[in-house]
Amino acid sequence: MSIKKQFLKTNGTCKVTFHFGDDLKNVESIRIPGDFNNWDMNCEPMKKLKTGGFSQTLNLEAGKSYQFRYLIDSSVWENEPEADLFVPNGISPGEVNSVIEL
């Protein structure tokens, strides 16, 4: 898993590329619900790569922080180990959301 940030000087946004795993033969879809899409669990899925991993690039407003999690096959939640921060999600004790700071 990884996150790549590319800040665009012209319009105050950041292109954020999320990459999840490689060789995930048994995974059908991965989505990224978060603050940037009102935690929509039906948001556009990540693209499956030839390597078996998944990738998605989002244009997000710079100067903000966003909570998010990966949703695998509509049932399993995962965090991004390379996130900038982790905060309690307020849903279950001990569970946290990943945070990306732009």
PDB file of N, CA and C in Angstrom:
ATOM      1  N   MET A   1       0.849  -1.168   0.000  1.00  0.00           N
ATOM      2  CA  MET A   1       0.000   0.000   0.000  1.00  0.00           C
ATOM      3  C   MET A   1       0.898   1.235   0.000  1.00  0.00           C
ATOM      4  N   SER A   2       0.413   2.262  -0.658  1.00  0.00           N
ATOM      5  CA  SER A   2       1.184   3.501  -0.666  1.00  0.00           C
ATOM      6  C   SER A   2       0.319   4.666  -1.116  1.00  0.00           C
ATOM      7  N   ILE A   3       0.843   5.864  -0.828  1.00  0.00           N
ATOM      8  CA  ILE A   3       0.201   7.100  -1.239  1.00  0.00           C
ATOM      9  C   ILE A   3       1.263   7.979  -1.884  1.00  0.00           C
ATOM     10  N   LYS A   4       0.940   8.547  -3.045  1.00  0.00           N
ATOM     11  CA  LYS A   4       1.838   9.490  -3.713  1.00  0.00           C
ATOM     12  C   LYS A   4       1.102  10.814  -3.846  1.00  0.00           C
ATOM     13  N   LYS A   5       1.741  11.908  -3.414  1.00  0.00           N
ATOM     14  CA  LYS A   5       1.144  13.238  -3.480  1.00  0.00           C
ATOM     15  C   LYS A   5       1.876  14.073  -4.524  1.00  0.00           C
ATOM     16  N   GLN A   6       1.112  14.737  -5.385  1.00  0.00           N
ATOM     17  CA  GLN A   6       1.688  15.655  -6.368  1.00  0.00           C
ATOM     18  C   GLN A   6       0.909  16.961  -6.286  1.00  0.00           C
ATOM     19  N   PHE A   7       1.555  17.984  -5.709  1.00  0.00           N
ATOM     20  CA  PHE A   7       0.894  19.280  -5.529  1.00  0.00           C
ATOM     21  C   PHE A   7       0.926  20.065  -6.835  1.00  0.00           C
ATOM     22  N   LEU A   8      -0.227  20.594  -7.217  1.00  0.00           N
ATOM     23  CA  LEU A   8      -0.347  21.398  -8.427  1.00  0.00           C
ATOM     24  C   LEU A   8      -0.381  22.868  -8.022  1.00  0.00           C
ATOM     25  N   LYS A   9       0.553  23.647  -8.513  1.00  0.00           N
ATOM     26  CA  LYS A   9       0.669  25.055  -8.125  1.00  0.00           C
ATOM     27  C   LYS A   9      -0.424  25.920  -8.742  1.00  0.00           C
ATOM     28  N   THR A  10      -0.959  25.501  -9.878  1.00  0.00           N
ATOM     29  CA  THR A  10      -1.877  26.358 -10.622  1.00  0.00           C
ATOM     30  C   THR A  10      -3.251  26.489  -9.995  1.00  0.00           C
ATOM     31  N   ASN A  11      -3.767  25.460  -9.338  1.00  0.00           N
ATOM     32  CA  ASN A  11      -5.150  25.546  -8.851  1.00  0.00           C
ATOM     33  C   ASN A  11      -5.347  25.118  -7.391  1.00  0.00           C
ATOM     34  N   GLY A  12      -4.286  24.994  -6.624  1.00  0.00           N
ATOM     35  CA  GLY A  12      -4.426  24.684  -5.206  1.00  0.00           C
ATOM     36  C   GLY A  12      -4.919  23.287  -4.897  1.00  0.00           C
ATOM     37  N   THR A  13      -4.695  22.365  -5.820  1.00  0.00           N
ATOM     38  CA  THR A  13      -5.099  20.989  -5.565  1.00  0.00           C
ATOM     39  C   THR A  13      -3.873  20.077  -5.488  1.00  0.00           C
ATOM     40  N   CYS A  14      -4.118  18.884  -5.057  1.00  0.00           N
ATOM     41  CA  CYS A  14      -3.081  17.864  -4.974  1.00  0.00           C
ATOM     42  C   CYS A  14      -3.618  16.597  -5.626  1.00  0.00           C
ATOM     43  N   LYS A  15      -2.845  16.043  -6.545  1.00  0.00           N
ATOM     44  CA  LYS A  15      -3.186  14.741  -7.134  1.00  0.00           C
ATOM     45  C   LYS A  15      -2.653  13.683  -6.180  1.00  0.00           C
ATOM     46  N   VAL A  16      -3.565  12.910  -5.632  1.00  0.00           N
ATOM     47  CA  VAL A  16      -3.175  11.874  -4.676  1.00  0.00           C
ATOM     48  C   VAL A  16      -3.441  10.516  -5.319  1.00  0.00           C
ATOM     49  N   THR A  17      -2.389   9.720  -5.447  1.00  0.00           N
ATOM     50  CA  THR A  17      -2.525   8.387  -6.015  1.00  0.00           C
ATOM     51  C   THR A  17      -2.414   7.362  -4.894  1.00  0.00           C
ATOM     52  N   PHE A  18      -3.467   6.576  -4.749  1.00  0.00           N
ATOM     53  CA  PHE A  18      -3.527   5.509  -3.764  1.00  0.00           C
ATOM     54  C   PHE A  18      -3.210   4.192  -4.480  1.00  0.00           C
ATOM     55  N   HIS A  19      -2.346   3.379  -3.900  1.00  0.00           N
ATOM     56  CA  HIS A  19      -2.026   2.066  -4.464  1.00  0.00           C
ATOM     57  C   HIS A  19      -2.224   1.031  -3.359  1.00  0.00           C
ATOM     58  N   PHE A  20      -2.935  -0.034  -3.694  1.00  0.00           N
ATOM     59  CA  PHE A  20      -3.234  -1.071  -2.706  1.00  0.00           C
ATOM     60  C   PHE A  20      -2.779  -2.422  -3.250  1.00  0.00           C
ATOM     61  N   GLY A  21      -1.759  -2.990  -2.632  1.00  0.00           N
ATOM     62  CA  GLY A  21      -1.334  -4.359  -2.857  1.00  0.00           C
ATOM     63  C   GLY A  21      -0.901  -4.720  -4.256  1.00  0.00           C
ATOM     64  N   ASP A  22      -0.473  -5.950  -4.376  1.00  0.00           N
ATOM     65  CA  ASP A  22      -0.142  -6.592  -5.636  1.00  0.00           C
ATOM     66  C   ASP A  22      -0.554  -8.052  -5.515  1.00  0.00           C
ATOM     67  N   ASP A  23      -0.871  -8.645  -6.643  1.00  0.00           N
ATOM     68  CA  ASP A  23      -1.228 -10.058  -6.682  1.00  0.00           C
ATOM     69  C   ASP A  23      -2.395 -10.394  -5.750  1.00  0.00           C
ATOM     70  N   LEU A  24      -3.453  -9.596  -5.849  1.00  0.00           N
ATOM     71  CA  LEU A  24      -4.659  -9.820  -5.033  1.00  0.00           C
ATOM     72  C   LEU A  24      -5.702 -10.561  -5.878  1.00  0.00           C
ATOM     73  N   LYS A  25      -5.449 -11.812  -6.163  1.00  0.00           N
ATOM     74  CA  LYS A  25      -6.298 -12.591  -7.072  1.00  0.00           C
ATOM     75  C   LYS A  25      -7.722 -12.778  -6.568  1.00  0.00           C
ATOM     76  N   ASN A  26      -7.903 -12.831  -5.266  1.00  0.00           N
ATOM     77  CA  ASN A  26      -9.233 -13.104  -4.717  1.00  0.00           C
ATOM     78  C   ASN A  26     -10.038 -11.849  -4.413  1.00  0.00           C
ATOM     79  N   VAL A  27      -9.475 -10.674  -4.690  1.00  0.00           N
ATOM     80  CA  VAL A  27     -10.166  -9.417  -4.403  1.00  0.00           C
ATOM     81  C   VAL A  27     -10.860  -8.927  -5.674  1.00  0.00           C
ATOM     82  N   GLU A  28     -12.151  -8.636  -5.570  1.00  0.00           N
ATOM     83  CA  GLU A  28     -12.935  -8.165  -6.712  1.00  0.00           C
ATOM     84  C   GLU A  28     -12.891  -6.646  -6.857  1.00  0.00           C
ATOM     85  N   SER A  29     -13.023  -5.929  -5.731  1.00  0.00           N
ATOM     86  CA  SER A  29     -13.052  -4.469  -5.808  1.00  0.00           C
ATOM     87  C   SER A  29     -12.542  -3.852  -4.516  1.00  0.00           C
ATOM     88  N   ILE A  30     -11.975  -2.650  -4.659  1.00  0.00           N
ATOM     89  CA  ILE A  30     -11.564  -1.850  -3.513  1.00  0.00           C
ATOM     90  C   ILE A  30     -12.044  -0.433  -3.773  1.00  0.00           C
ATOM     91  N   ARG A  31     -12.675   0.151  -2.771  1.00  0.00           N
ATOM     92  CA  ARG A  31     -13.156   1.533  -2.842  1.00  0.00           C
ATOM     93  C   ARG A  31     -12.490   2.323  -1.726  1.00  0.00           C
ATOM     94  N   ILE A  32     -12.509   3.659  -1.856  1.00  0.00           N
ATOM     95  CA  ILE A  32     -11.894   4.509  -0.839  1.00  0.00           C
ATOM     96  C   ILE A  32     -12.923   5.504  -0.310  1.00  0.00           C
ATOM     97  N   PRO A  33     -13.801   5.084   0.584  1.00  0.00           N
ATOM     98  CA  PRO A  33     -14.695   6.042   1.235  1.00  0.00           C
ATOM     99  C   PRO A  33     -13.895   6.945   2.179  1.00  0.00           C
ATOM    100  N   GLY A  34     -14.289   8.221   2.217  1.00  0.00           N
ATOM    101  CA  GLY A  34     -13.596   9.147   3.101  1.00  0.00           C
ATOM    102  C   GLY A  34     -14.291  10.486   3.155  1.00  0.00           C
ATOM    103  N   ASP A  35     -13.654  11.422   3.853  1.00  0.00           N
ATOM    104  CA  ASP A  35     -14.197  12.774   3.968  1.00  0.00           C
ATOM    105  C   ASP A  35     -14.410  13.420   2.605  1.00  0.00           C
ATOM    106  N   PHE A  36     -13.553  13.090   1.651  1.00  0.00           N
ATOM    107  CA  PHE A  36     -13.601  13.718   0.320  1.00  0.00           C
ATOM    108  C   PHE A  36     -14.785  13.273  -0.527  1.00  0.00           C
ATOM    109  N   ASN A  37     -15.494  12.216  -0.126  1.00  0.00           N
ATOM    110  CA  ASN A  37     -16.682  11.772  -0.869  1.00  0.00           C
ATOM    111  C   ASN A  37     -17.846  11.432   0.068  1.00  0.00           C
ATOM    112  N   ASN A  38     -17.854  12.086   1.234  1.00  0.00           N
ATOM    113  CA  ASN A  38     -18.920  11.896   2.228  1.00  0.00           C
ATOM    114  C   ASN A  38     -19.078  10.441   2.647  1.00  0.00           C
ATOM    115  N   TRP A  39     -17.973   9.730   2.706  1.00  0.00           N
ATOM    116  CA  TRP A  39     -17.952   8.326   3.119  1.00  0.00           C
ATOM    117  C   TRP A  39     -18.907   7.462   2.294  1.00  0.00           C
ATOM    118  N   ASP A  40     -18.960   7.739   1.014  1.00  0.00           N
ATOM    119  CA  ASP A  40     -19.819   6.993   0.091  1.00  0.00           C
ATOM    120  C   ASP A  40     -19.222   5.607  -0.169  1.00  0.00           C
ATOM    121  N   MET A  41     -19.858   4.573   0.367  1.00  0.00           N
ATOM    122  CA  MET A  41     -19.363   3.211   0.201  1.00  0.00           C
ATOM    123  C   MET A  41     -19.595   2.677  -1.213  1.00  0.00           C
ATOM    124  N   ASN A  42     -20.322   3.433  -2.033  1.00  0.00           N
ATOM    125  CA  ASN A  42     -20.543   3.055  -3.428  1.00  0.00           C
ATOM    126  C   ASN A  42     -19.767   3.959  -4.377  1.00  0.00           C
ATOM    127  N   CYS A  43     -18.736   4.633  -3.866  1.00  0.00           N
ATOM    128  CA  CYS A  43     -17.928   5.509  -4.715  1.00  0.00           C
ATOM    129  C   CYS A  43     -17.230   4.680  -5.795  1.00  0.00           C
ATOM    130  N   GLU A  44     -16.664   5.387  -6.758  1.00  0.00           N
ATOM    131  CA  GLU A  44     -15.990   4.713  -7.867  1.00  0.00           C
ATOM    132  C   GLU A  44     -14.905   3.782  -7.332  1.00  0.00           C
ATOM    133  N   PRO A  45     -14.877   2.534  -7.793  1.00  0.00           N
ATOM    134  CA  PRO A  45     -13.852   1.603  -7.311  1.00  0.00           C
ATOM    135  C   PRO A  45     -12.479   1.935  -7.892  1.00  0.00           C
ATOM    136  N   MET A  46     -11.465   1.491  -7.204  1.00  0.00           N
ATOM    137  CA  MET A  46     -10.101   1.623  -7.697  1.00  0.00           C
ATOM    138  C   MET A  46      -9.945   0.755  -8.943  1.00  0.00           C
ATOM    139  N   LYS A  47      -8.998   1.119  -9.805  1.00  0.00           N
ATOM    140  CA  LYS A  47      -8.739   0.333 -11.020  1.00  0.00           C
ATOM    141  C   LYS A  47      -7.842  -0.850 -10.685  1.00  0.00           C
ATOM    142  N   LYS A  48      -8.220  -2.013 -11.213  1.00  0.00           N
ATOM    143  CA  LYS A  48      -7.394  -3.198 -11.012  1.00  0.00           C
ATOM    144  C   LYS A  48      -6.245  -3.162 -12.016  1.00  0.00           C
ATOM    145  N   LEU A  49      -5.029  -3.398 -11.529  1.00  0.00           N
ATOM    146  CA  LEU A  49      -3.832  -3.357 -12.358  1.00  0.00           C
ATOM    147  C   LEU A  49      -3.434  -4.756 -12.811  1.00  0.00           C
ATOM    148  N   LYS A  50      -2.602  -4.823 -13.836  1.00  0.00           N
ATOM    149  CA  LYS A  50      -2.120  -6.122 -14.334  1.00  0.00           C
ATOM    150  C   LYS A  50      -1.330  -6.878 -13.273  1.00  0.00           C
ATOM    151  N   THR A  51      -0.743  -6.146 -12.334  1.00  0.00           N
ATOM    152  CA  THR A  51       0.022  -6.767 -11.245  1.00  0.00           C
ATOM    153  C   THR A  51      -0.884  -7.441 -10.221  1.00  0.00           C
ATOM    154  N   GLY A  52      -2.198  -7.184 -10.335  1.00  0.00           N
ATOM    155  CA  GLY A  52      -3.149  -7.718  -9.363  1.00  0.00           C
ATOM    156  C   GLY A  52      -3.449  -6.739  -8.246  1.00  0.00           C
ATOM    157  N   GLY A  53      -2.769  -5.588  -8.242  1.00  0.00           N
ATOM    158  CA  GLY A  53      -3.041  -4.553  -7.251  1.00  0.00           C
ATOM    159  C   GLY A  53      -4.121  -3.617  -7.747  1.00  0.00           C
ATOM    160  N   PHE A  54      -4.369  -2.575  -6.994  1.00  0.00           N
ATOM    161  CA  PHE A  54      -5.397  -1.600  -7.332  1.00  0.00           C
ATOM    162  C   PHE A  54      -4.815  -0.199  -7.190  1.00  0.00           C
ATOM    163  N   SER A  55      -5.309   0.748  -8.010  1.00  0.00           N
ATOM    164  CA  SER A  55      -4.823   2.115  -7.962  1.00  0.00           C
ATOM    165  C   SER A  55      -5.950   3.089  -8.276  1.00  0.00           C
ATOM    166  N   GLN A  56      -5.864   4.286  -7.679  1.00  0.00           N
ATOM    167  CA  GLN A  56      -6.818   5.351  -7.982  1.00  0.00           C
ATOM    168  C   GLN A  56      -6.159   6.689  -7.682  1.00  0.00           C
ATOM    169  N   THR A  57      -6.391   7.660  -8.563  1.00  0.00           N
ATOM    170  CA  THR A  57      -5.890   9.014  -8.359  1.00  0.00           C
ATOM    171  C   THR A  57      -7.069   9.955  -8.152  1.00  0.00           C
ATOM    172  N   LEU A  58      -6.986  10.748  -7.091  1.00  0.00           N
ATOM    173  CA  LEU A  58      -8.027  11.723  -6.768  1.00  0.00           C
ATOM    174  C   LEU A  58      -7.402  13.113  -6.720  1.00  0.00           C
ATOM    175  N   ASN A  59      -8.118  14.105  -7.202  1.00  0.00           N
ATOM    176  CA  ASN A  59      -7.708  15.499  -7.073  1.00  0.00           C
ATOM    177  C   ASN A  59      -8.375  16.065  -5.832  1.00  0.00           C
ATOM    178  N   LEU A  60      -7.567  16.409  -4.830  1.00  0.00           N
ATOM    179  CA  LEU A  60      -8.090  16.895  -3.562  1.00  0.00           C
ATOM    180  C   LEU A  60      -7.555  18.294  -3.284  1.00  0.00           C
ATOM    181  N   GLU A  61      -8.335  19.066  -2.546  1.00  0.00           N
ATOM    182  CA  GLU A  61      -7.945  20.427  -2.211  1.00  0.00           C
ATOM    183  C   GLU A  61      -6.751  20.410  -1.253  1.00  0.00           C
ATOM    184  N   ALA A  62      -5.710  21.139  -1.615  1.00  0.00           N
ATOM    185  CA  ALA A  62      -4.517  21.235  -0.774  1.00  0.00           C
ATOM    186  C   ALA A  62      -4.826  22.071   0.469  1.00  0.00           C
ATOM    187  N   GLY A  63      -4.033  21.881   1.513  1.00  0.00           N
ATOM    188  CA  GLY A  63      -4.202  22.640   2.741  1.00  0.00           C
ATOM    189  C   GLY A  63      -5.227  22.046   3.690  1.00  0.00           C
ATOM    190  N   LYS A  64      -5.716  20.864   3.389  1.00  0.00           N
ATOM    191  CA  LYS A  64      -6.716  20.201   4.234  1.00  0.00           C
ATOM    192  C   LYS A  64      -6.211  18.817   4.625  1.00  0.00           C
ATOM    193  N   SER A  65      -6.891  18.214   5.575  1.00  0.00           N
ATOM    194  CA  SER A  65      -6.634  16.813   5.907  1.00  0.00           C
ATOM    195  C   SER A  65      -7.929  16.041   5.700  1.00  0.00           C
ATOM    196  N   TYR A  66      -7.787  14.785   5.310  1.00  0.00           N
ATOM    197  CA  TYR A  66      -8.932  13.946   4.978  1.00  0.00           C
ATOM    198  C   TYR A  66      -8.799  12.586   5.655  1.00  0.00           C
ATOM    199  N   GLN A  67      -9.875  12.146   6.300  1.00  0.00           N
ATOM    200  CA  GLN A  67      -9.927  10.791   6.840  1.00  0.00           C
ATOM    201  C   GLN A  67     -10.460   9.862   5.751  1.00  0.00           C
ATOM    202  N   PHE A  68      -9.965   8.624   5.740  1.00  0.00           N
ATOM    203  CA  PHE A  68     -10.420   7.639   4.758  1.00  0.00           C
ATOM    204  C   PHE A  68     -10.056   6.240   5.230  1.00  0.00           C
ATOM    205  N   ARG A  69     -10.642   5.256   4.570  1.00  0.00           N
ATOM    206  CA  ARG A  69     -10.280   3.844   4.743  1.00  0.00           C
ATOM    207  C   ARG A  69     -10.516   3.133   3.429  1.00  0.00           C
ATOM    208  N   TYR A  70      -9.854   2.020   3.237  1.00  0.00           N
ATOM    209  CA  TYR A  70     -10.103   1.175   2.079  1.00  0.00           C
ATOM    210  C   TYR A  70     -11.236   0.208   2.418  1.00  0.00           C
ATOM    211  N   LEU A  71     -12.147   0.000   1.463  1.00  0.00           N
ATOM    212  CA  LEU A  71     -13.244  -0.956   1.628  1.00  0.00           C
ATOM    213  C   LEU A  71     -13.071  -2.053   0.585  1.00  0.00           C
ATOM    214  N   ILE A  72     -12.736  -3.236   1.047  1.00  0.00           N
ATOM    215  CA  ILE A  72     -12.435  -4.358   0.158  1.00  0.00           C
ATOM    216  C   ILE A  72     -13.661  -5.237   0.009  1.00  0.00           C
ATOM    217  N   ASP A  73     -14.066  -5.447  -1.247  1.00  0.00           N
ATOM    218  CA  ASP A  73     -15.214  -6.297  -1.577  1.00  0.00           C
ATOM    219  C   ASP A  73     -16.451  -5.969  -0.742  1.00  0.00           C
ATOM    220  N   SER A  74     -16.644  -4.691  -0.471  1.00  0.00           N
ATOM    221  CA  SER A  74     -17.823  -4.175   0.245  1.00  0.00           C
ATOM    222  C   SER A  74     -18.005  -4.734   1.654  1.00  0.00           C
ATOM    223  N   SER A  75     -16.946  -5.335   2.226  1.00  0.00           N
ATOM    224  CA  SER A  75     -17.145  -5.928   3.553  1.00  0.00           C
ATOM    225  C   SER A  75     -15.960  -5.798   4.511  1.00  0.00           C
ATOM    226  N   VAL A  76     -14.754  -5.610   4.010  1.00  0.00           N
ATOM    227  CA  VAL A  76     -13.567  -5.578   4.871  1.00  0.00           C
ATOM    228  C   VAL A  76     -12.938  -4.190   4.815  1.00  0.00           C
ATOM    229  N   TRP A  77     -12.745  -3.573   5.984  1.00  0.00           N
ATOM    230  CA  TRP A  77     -12.128  -2.249   6.082  1.00  0.00           C
ATOM    231  C   TRP A  77     -10.654  -2.398   6.401  1.00  0.00           C
ATOM    232  N   GLU A  78      -9.811  -1.611   5.701  1.00  0.00           N
ATOM    233  CA  GLU A  78      -8.370  -1.606   5.944  1.00  0.00           C
ATOM    234  C   GLU A  78      -7.877  -0.167   6.017  1.00  0.00           C
ATOM    235  N   ASN A  79      -6.839   0.058   6.790  1.00  0.00           N
ATOM    236  CA  ASN A  79      -6.196   1.356   6.855  1.00  0.00           C
ATOM    237  C   ASN A  79      -4.959   1.374   5.965  1.00  0.00           C
ATOM    238  N   GLU A  80      -4.505   2.574   5.654  1.00  0.00           N
ATOM    239  CA  GLU A  80      -3.291   2.785   4.880  1.00  0.00           C
ATOM    240  C   GLU A  80      -2.122   2.913   5.844  1.00  0.00           C
ATOM    241  N   PRO A  81      -1.188   1.948   5.851  1.00  0.00           N
ATOM    242  CA  PRO A  81      -0.081   2.010   6.801  1.00  0.00           C
ATOM    243  C   PRO A  81       0.808   3.246   6.621  1.00  0.00           C
ATOM    244  N   GLU A  82       0.826   3.826   5.412  1.00  0.00           N
ATOM    245  CA  GLU A  82       1.650   5.004   5.158  1.00  0.00           C
ATOM    246  C   GLU A  82       0.881   6.313   5.345  1.00  0.00           C
ATOM    247  N   ALA A  83      -0.271   6.259   5.998  1.00  0.00           N
ATOM    248  CA  ALA A  83      -1.053   7.472   6.252  1.00  0.00           C
ATOM    249  C   ALA A  83      -0.251   8.436   7.132  1.00  0.00           C
ATOM    250  N   ASP A  84      -0.587   9.714   7.032  1.00  0.00           N
ATOM    251  CA  ASP A  84       0.103  10.727   7.829  1.00  0.00           C
ATOM    252  C   ASP A  84      -0.256  10.630   9.313  1.00  0.00           C
ATOM    253  N   LEU A  85      -1.486  10.247   9.598  1.00  0.00           N
ATOM    254  CA  LEU A  85      -1.982  10.111  10.967  1.00  0.00           C
ATOM    255  C   LEU A  85      -3.038   9.020  11.024  1.00  0.00           C
ATOM    256  N   PHE A  86      -3.379   8.628  12.231  1.00  0.00           N
ATOM    257  CA  PHE A  86      -4.504   7.735  12.470  1.00  0.00           C
ATOM    258  C   PHE A  86      -5.319   8.344  13.605  1.00  0.00           C
ATOM    259  N   VAL A  87      -6.633   8.382  13.436  1.00  0.00           N
ATOM    260  CA  VAL A  87      -7.507   8.957  14.465  1.00  0.00           C
ATOM    261  C   VAL A  87      -8.635   7.973  14.768  1.00  0.00           C
ATOM    262  N   PRO A  88      -9.123   7.950  16.018  1.00  0.00           N
ATOM    263  CA  PRO A  88     -10.252   7.076  16.347  1.00  0.00           C
ATOM    264  C   PRO A  88     -11.437   7.389  15.438  1.00  0.00           C
ATOM    265  N   ASN A  89     -12.115   6.339  14.974  1.00  0.00           N
ATOM    266  CA  ASN A  89     -13.233   6.578  14.050  1.00  0.00           C
ATOM    267  C   ASN A  89     -14.563   6.811  14.755  1.00  0.00           C
ATOM    268  N   GLY A  90     -14.626   6.596  16.064  1.00  0.00           N
ATOM    269  CA  GLY A  90     -15.851   6.869  16.803  1.00  0.00           C
ATOM    270  C   GLY A  90     -16.950   5.840  16.582  1.00  0.00           C
ATOM    271  N   ILE A  91     -16.672   4.800  15.837  1.00  0.00           N
ATOM    272  CA  ILE A  91     -17.677   3.766  15.567  1.00  0.00           C
ATOM    273  C   ILE A  91     -17.471   2.574  16.500  1.00  0.00           C
ATOM    274  N   SER A  92     -16.244   2.097  16.553  1.00  0.00           N
ATOM    275  CA  SER A  92     -15.919   0.965  17.424  1.00  0.00           C
ATOM    276  C   SER A  92     -14.685   1.315  18.250  1.00  0.00           C
ATOM    277  N   PRO A  93     -14.680   0.969  19.519  1.00  0.00           N
ATOM    278  CA  PRO A  93     -13.508   1.242  20.349  1.00  0.00           C
ATOM    279  C   PRO A  93     -12.254   0.590  19.760  1.00  0.00           C
ATOM    280  N   GLY A  94     -11.189   1.354  19.692  1.00  0.00           N
ATOM    281  CA  GLY A  94      -9.916   0.828  19.184  1.00  0.00           C
ATOM    282  C   GLY A  94      -9.771   0.921  17.670  1.00  0.00           C
ATOM    283  N   GLU A  95     -10.832   1.181  16.931  1.00  0.00           N
ATOM    284  CA  GLU A  95     -10.721   1.298  15.474  1.00  0.00           C
ATOM    285  C   GLU A  95     -10.353   2.721  15.095  1.00  0.00           C
ATOM    286  N   VAL A  96      -9.516   2.833  14.057  1.00  0.00           N
ATOM    287  CA  VAL A  96      -9.044   4.141  13.619  1.00  0.00           C
ATOM    288  C   VAL A  96      -9.244   4.317  12.123  1.00  0.00           C
ATOM    289  N   ASN A  97      -9.247   5.592  11.707  1.00  0.00           N
ATOM    290  CA  ASN A  97      -9.263   5.949  10.290  1.00  0.00           C
ATOM    291  C   ASN A  97      -7.883   6.432   9.908  1.00  0.00           C
ATOM    292  N   SER A  98      -7.517   6.223   8.662  1.00  0.00           N
ATOM    293  CA  SER A  98      -6.290   6.788   8.100  1.00  0.00           C
ATOM    294  C   SER A  98      -6.554   8.255   7.815  1.00  0.00           C
ATOM    295  N   VAL A  99      -5.505   9.084   7.928  1.00  0.00           N
ATOM    296  CA  VAL A  99      -5.623  10.507   7.623  1.00  0.00           C
ATOM    297  C   VAL A  99      -4.507  10.893   6.666  1.00  0.00           C
ATOM    298  N   ILE A 100      -4.850  11.624   5.620  1.00  0.00           N
ATOM    299  CA  ILE A 100      -3.865  12.192   4.711  1.00  0.00           C
ATOM    300  C   ILE A 100      -3.909  13.703   4.863  1.00  0.00           C
ATOM    301  N   GLU A 101      -2.729  14.297   5.049  1.00  0.00           N
ATOM    302  CA  GLU A 101      -2.640  15.752   5.199  1.00  0.00           C
ATOM    303  C   GLU A 101      -2.048  16.334   3.934  1.00  0.00           C
ATOM    304  N   LEU A 102      -2.749  17.297   3.389  1.00  0.00           N
ATOM    305  CA  LEU A 102      -2.287  17.956   2.177  1.00  0.00           C
ATOM    306  C   LEU A 102      -1.977  19.370   2.506  1.00  0.00           C
TER     307      LEU A 102
END
